[in-house]
């Protein structure tokens, strides 16, 4: 499982273990699974698509701007805004 956190300047929106997250990167969408290579990317306004399990229905959260970081702890999204 991938540890995923979504943070805005106001608060921690999510902190959970998920199967995969698709991130709206500034260079295009990218998927992050457990054990992904380290990565930092700016993100554009768009939808985060969160897959809690491999075959389940994904959840979508609209985000605006910010950064994504993938490291040995998981994926952290620092968004300017999340709805």
N, C-alpha and C. Protein backbone atom coordinates (compact mmCIF):
# COMPACT_ATOMS: atom_id res chain seq x y z
N UNK A 1 0.84 -1.20 0.00
CA UNK A 1 0.00 0.00 0.00
C UNK A 1 0.88 1.25 0.00
N UNK A 2 0.33 2.30 -0.55
CA UNK A 2 1.01 3.60 -0.65
C UNK A 2 0.45 4.52 0.43
N UNK A 3 1.32 5.14 1.22
CA UNK A 3 0.84 6.12 2.18
C UNK A 3 0.66 7.45 1.45
N UNK A 4 -0.52 8.04 1.56
CA UNK A 4 -0.89 9.25 0.82
C UNK A 4 -1.35 10.33 1.80
N UNK A 5 -0.81 11.54 1.62
CA UNK A 5 -1.26 12.69 2.40
C UNK A 5 -1.56 13.84 1.47
N UNK A 6 -2.68 14.51 1.71
CA UNK A 6 -3.09 15.71 1.00
C UNK A 6 -3.17 16.83 2.02
N UNK A 7 -2.37 17.88 1.80
CA UNK A 7 -2.25 18.97 2.75
C UNK A 7 -2.51 20.29 2.04
N UNK A 8 -3.28 21.18 2.69
CA UNK A 8 -3.46 22.55 2.21
C UNK A 8 -2.88 23.48 3.27
N UNK A 9 -2.75 24.77 2.96
CA UNK A 9 -2.24 25.69 4.00
C UNK A 9 -3.10 25.71 5.26
N UNK A 10 -4.38 25.37 5.12
CA UNK A 10 -5.29 25.40 6.27
C UNK A 10 -5.23 24.15 7.14
N UNK A 11 -5.09 22.97 6.51
CA UNK A 11 -5.14 21.75 7.31
C UNK A 11 -4.73 20.50 6.52
N UNK A 12 -4.59 19.41 7.23
CA UNK A 12 -4.36 18.10 6.64
C UNK A 12 -5.72 17.58 6.16
N UNK A 13 -5.86 17.38 4.86
CA UNK A 13 -7.14 16.95 4.29
C UNK A 13 -7.28 15.44 4.37
N UNK A 14 -6.21 14.71 4.01
CA UNK A 14 -6.22 13.25 4.01
C UNK A 14 -4.90 12.69 4.47
N UNK A 15 -4.93 11.58 5.14
CA UNK A 15 -3.75 10.80 5.48
C UNK A 15 -4.21 9.36 5.58
N UNK A 16 -3.89 8.57 4.56
CA UNK A 16 -4.39 7.21 4.50
C UNK A 16 -3.51 6.35 3.60
N UNK A 17 -3.68 5.05 3.71
CA UNK A 17 -2.99 4.11 2.83
C UNK A 17 -3.94 3.75 1.69
N UNK A 18 -3.43 3.86 0.46
CA UNK A 18 -4.24 3.62 -0.73
C UNK A 18 -3.46 2.73 -1.69
N UNK A 19 -4.13 2.28 -2.74
CA UNK A 19 -3.48 1.46 -3.76
C UNK A 19 -2.68 2.34 -4.73
N UNK A 20 -3.32 3.43 -5.26
CA UNK A 20 -2.67 4.28 -6.25
C UNK A 20 -3.33 5.66 -6.26
N UNK A 21 -2.55 6.69 -6.61
CA UNK A 21 -3.07 8.04 -6.80
C UNK A 21 -2.58 8.53 -8.16
N UNK A 22 -3.50 9.11 -8.95
CA UNK A 22 -3.14 9.75 -10.21
C UNK A 22 -3.14 11.24 -9.96
N UNK A 23 -1.99 11.88 -10.24
CA UNK A 23 -1.73 13.28 -9.91
C UNK A 23 -1.70 14.12 -11.18
N UNK A 24 -2.36 15.31 -11.17
CA UNK A 24 -2.31 16.20 -12.33
C UNK A 24 -1.01 17.01 -12.32
N UNK A 25 0.07 16.42 -12.79
CA UNK A 25 1.36 17.10 -12.82
C UNK A 25 1.39 18.19 -13.87
N UNK A 26 2.28 19.15 -13.71
CA UNK A 26 2.37 20.25 -14.66
C UNK A 26 2.82 19.77 -16.04
N UNK A 27 3.50 18.63 -16.11
CA UNK A 27 3.94 18.06 -17.39
C UNK A 27 3.01 16.95 -17.87
N UNK A 28 1.92 16.72 -17.14
CA UNK A 28 0.96 15.66 -17.50
C UNK A 28 0.63 14.82 -16.28
N UNK A 29 -0.44 14.08 -16.37
CA UNK A 29 -0.87 13.22 -15.26
C UNK A 29 0.13 12.09 -15.05
N UNK A 30 0.32 11.71 -13.78
CA UNK A 30 1.17 10.55 -13.49
C UNK A 30 0.59 9.78 -12.32
N UNK A 31 0.75 8.46 -12.39
CA UNK A 31 0.25 7.57 -11.35
C UNK A 31 1.36 7.21 -10.39
N UNK A 32 1.01 7.11 -9.11
CA UNK A 32 1.97 6.74 -8.08
C UNK A 32 1.44 5.50 -7.35
N UNK A 33 2.27 4.45 -7.35
CA UNK A 33 1.99 3.22 -6.62
C UNK A 33 3.02 3.09 -5.49
N UNK A 34 2.82 2.13 -4.61
CA UNK A 34 3.81 1.86 -3.56
C UNK A 34 5.16 1.59 -4.20
N UNK A 35 6.23 2.01 -3.53
CA UNK A 35 7.62 1.81 -3.96
C UNK A 35 7.98 2.59 -5.22
N UNK A 36 7.26 3.67 -5.51
CA UNK A 36 7.57 4.52 -6.66
C UNK A 36 8.94 5.17 -6.43
N UNK A 37 9.65 5.45 -7.50
CA UNK A 37 10.94 6.14 -7.40
C UNK A 37 10.71 7.54 -6.84
N UNK A 38 11.68 8.09 -6.08
CA UNK A 38 11.55 9.45 -5.55
C UNK A 38 11.31 10.45 -6.69
N UNK A 39 10.47 11.44 -6.40
CA UNK A 39 10.05 12.39 -7.43
C UNK A 39 9.53 13.65 -6.76
N UNK A 40 9.79 14.79 -7.38
CA UNK A 40 9.13 16.05 -6.99
C UNK A 40 8.59 16.66 -8.27
N UNK A 41 7.37 17.22 -8.20
CA UNK A 41 6.74 17.81 -9.37
C UNK A 41 5.82 18.93 -8.94
N UNK A 42 5.73 19.96 -9.76
CA UNK A 42 4.67 20.94 -9.56
C UNK A 42 3.38 20.30 -10.09
N UNK A 43 2.26 20.77 -9.56
CA UNK A 43 0.98 20.24 -10.03
C UNK A 43 0.13 21.39 -10.56
N UNK A 44 -0.70 21.05 -11.52
CA UNK A 44 -1.61 22.04 -12.11
C UNK A 44 -3.00 21.84 -11.50
N UNK A 45 -3.87 22.80 -11.72
CA UNK A 45 -5.26 22.65 -11.29
C UNK A 45 -5.84 21.43 -12.00
N UNK A 46 -6.49 20.59 -11.24
CA UNK A 46 -7.07 19.38 -11.84
C UNK A 46 -7.59 18.45 -10.78
N UNK A 47 -7.79 17.20 -11.17
CA UNK A 47 -8.37 16.20 -10.27
C UNK A 47 -7.34 15.18 -9.83
N UNK A 48 -7.26 14.98 -8.51
CA UNK A 48 -6.53 13.84 -7.96
C UNK A 48 -7.49 12.65 -8.05
N UNK A 49 -7.02 11.54 -8.54
CA UNK A 49 -7.85 10.34 -8.61
C UNK A 49 -7.25 9.33 -7.65
N UNK A 50 -8.00 8.99 -6.61
CA UNK A 50 -7.51 8.13 -5.53
C UNK A 50 -8.16 6.75 -5.66
N UNK A 51 -7.31 5.75 -5.84
CA UNK A 51 -7.77 4.35 -5.92
C UNK A 51 -7.44 3.70 -4.57
N UNK A 52 -8.45 3.47 -3.75
CA UNK A 52 -8.21 2.86 -2.44
C UNK A 52 -7.83 1.39 -2.56
N UNK A 53 -8.33 0.74 -3.59
CA UNK A 53 -7.98 -0.66 -3.84
C UNK A 53 -7.84 -0.84 -5.34
N UNK A 54 -7.21 -1.92 -5.74
CA UNK A 54 -6.87 -2.12 -7.16
C UNK A 54 -8.09 -2.08 -8.08
N UNK A 55 -9.20 -2.68 -7.67
CA UNK A 55 -10.35 -2.79 -8.56
C UNK A 55 -11.57 -2.00 -8.11
N UNK A 56 -11.43 -1.19 -7.08
CA UNK A 56 -12.56 -0.44 -6.57
C UNK A 56 -12.84 0.82 -7.40
N UNK A 57 -13.93 1.48 -7.08
CA UNK A 57 -14.28 2.74 -7.72
C UNK A 57 -13.41 3.84 -7.15
N UNK A 58 -12.73 4.60 -8.02
CA UNK A 58 -11.85 5.66 -7.51
C UNK A 58 -12.64 6.88 -7.02
N UNK A 59 -11.99 7.64 -6.16
CA UNK A 59 -12.54 8.90 -5.64
C UNK A 59 -11.76 10.04 -6.29
N UNK A 60 -12.45 11.13 -6.60
CA UNK A 60 -11.81 12.28 -7.22
C UNK A 60 -11.90 13.49 -6.29
N UNK A 61 -10.78 14.18 -6.14
CA UNK A 61 -10.73 15.42 -5.35
C UNK A 61 -10.14 16.50 -6.24
N UNK A 62 -10.83 17.61 -6.38
CA UNK A 62 -10.35 18.75 -7.18
C UNK A 62 -9.29 19.49 -6.36
N UNK A 63 -8.12 19.74 -6.98
CA UNK A 63 -7.07 20.50 -6.31
C UNK A 63 -6.63 21.65 -7.21
N UNK A 64 -6.02 22.65 -6.57
CA UNK A 64 -5.49 23.80 -7.30
C UNK A 64 -4.05 24.03 -6.90
N UNK A 65 -3.16 23.96 -7.88
CA UNK A 65 -1.75 24.30 -7.70
C UNK A 65 -1.05 23.57 -6.58
N UNK A 66 0.27 23.70 -6.55
CA UNK A 66 1.04 23.14 -5.46
C UNK A 66 2.15 22.23 -5.95
N UNK A 67 2.52 21.29 -5.09
CA UNK A 67 3.64 20.40 -5.34
C UNK A 67 3.27 18.97 -4.93
N UNK A 68 3.92 18.01 -5.58
CA UNK A 68 3.81 16.61 -5.21
C UNK A 68 5.21 16.11 -4.89
N UNK A 69 5.33 15.34 -3.83
CA UNK A 69 6.60 14.72 -3.48
C UNK A 69 6.38 13.24 -3.20
N UNK A 70 7.19 12.42 -3.87
CA UNK A 70 7.19 10.98 -3.60
C UNK A 70 8.54 10.66 -2.98
N UNK A 71 8.51 9.99 -1.83
CA UNK A 71 9.75 9.55 -1.19
C UNK A 71 9.50 8.20 -0.54
N UNK A 72 10.45 7.72 0.26
CA UNK A 72 10.31 6.39 0.85
C UNK A 72 9.10 6.28 1.79
N UNK A 73 8.58 7.39 2.27
CA UNK A 73 7.40 7.38 3.15
C UNK A 73 6.09 7.34 2.38
N UNK A 74 6.11 7.71 1.08
CA UNK A 74 4.89 7.70 0.29
C UNK A 74 4.74 8.96 -0.54
N UNK A 75 3.49 9.36 -0.79
CA UNK A 75 3.16 10.51 -1.63
C UNK A 75 2.56 11.61 -0.76
N UNK A 76 3.11 12.80 -0.87
CA UNK A 76 2.55 13.98 -0.20
C UNK A 76 2.19 15.01 -1.27
N UNK A 77 0.96 15.48 -1.23
CA UNK A 77 0.49 16.55 -2.11
C UNK A 77 0.33 17.78 -1.25
N UNK A 78 1.04 18.86 -1.59
CA UNK A 78 0.91 20.14 -0.93
C UNK A 78 0.15 21.03 -1.90
N UNK A 79 -1.15 21.13 -1.72
CA UNK A 79 -2.01 21.87 -2.66
C UNK A 79 -2.39 23.22 -2.10
N UNK A 80 -2.50 24.19 -2.98
CA UNK A 80 -2.97 25.51 -2.56
C UNK A 80 -4.41 25.45 -2.09
N UNK A 81 -5.18 24.54 -2.71
CA UNK A 81 -6.59 24.40 -2.35
C UNK A 81 -7.09 23.02 -2.74
N UNK A 82 -7.98 22.44 -1.95
CA UNK A 82 -8.59 21.14 -2.25
C UNK A 82 -10.07 21.22 -1.93
N UNK A 83 -10.88 20.65 -2.81
CA UNK A 83 -12.34 20.66 -2.61
C UNK A 83 -12.86 19.25 -2.41
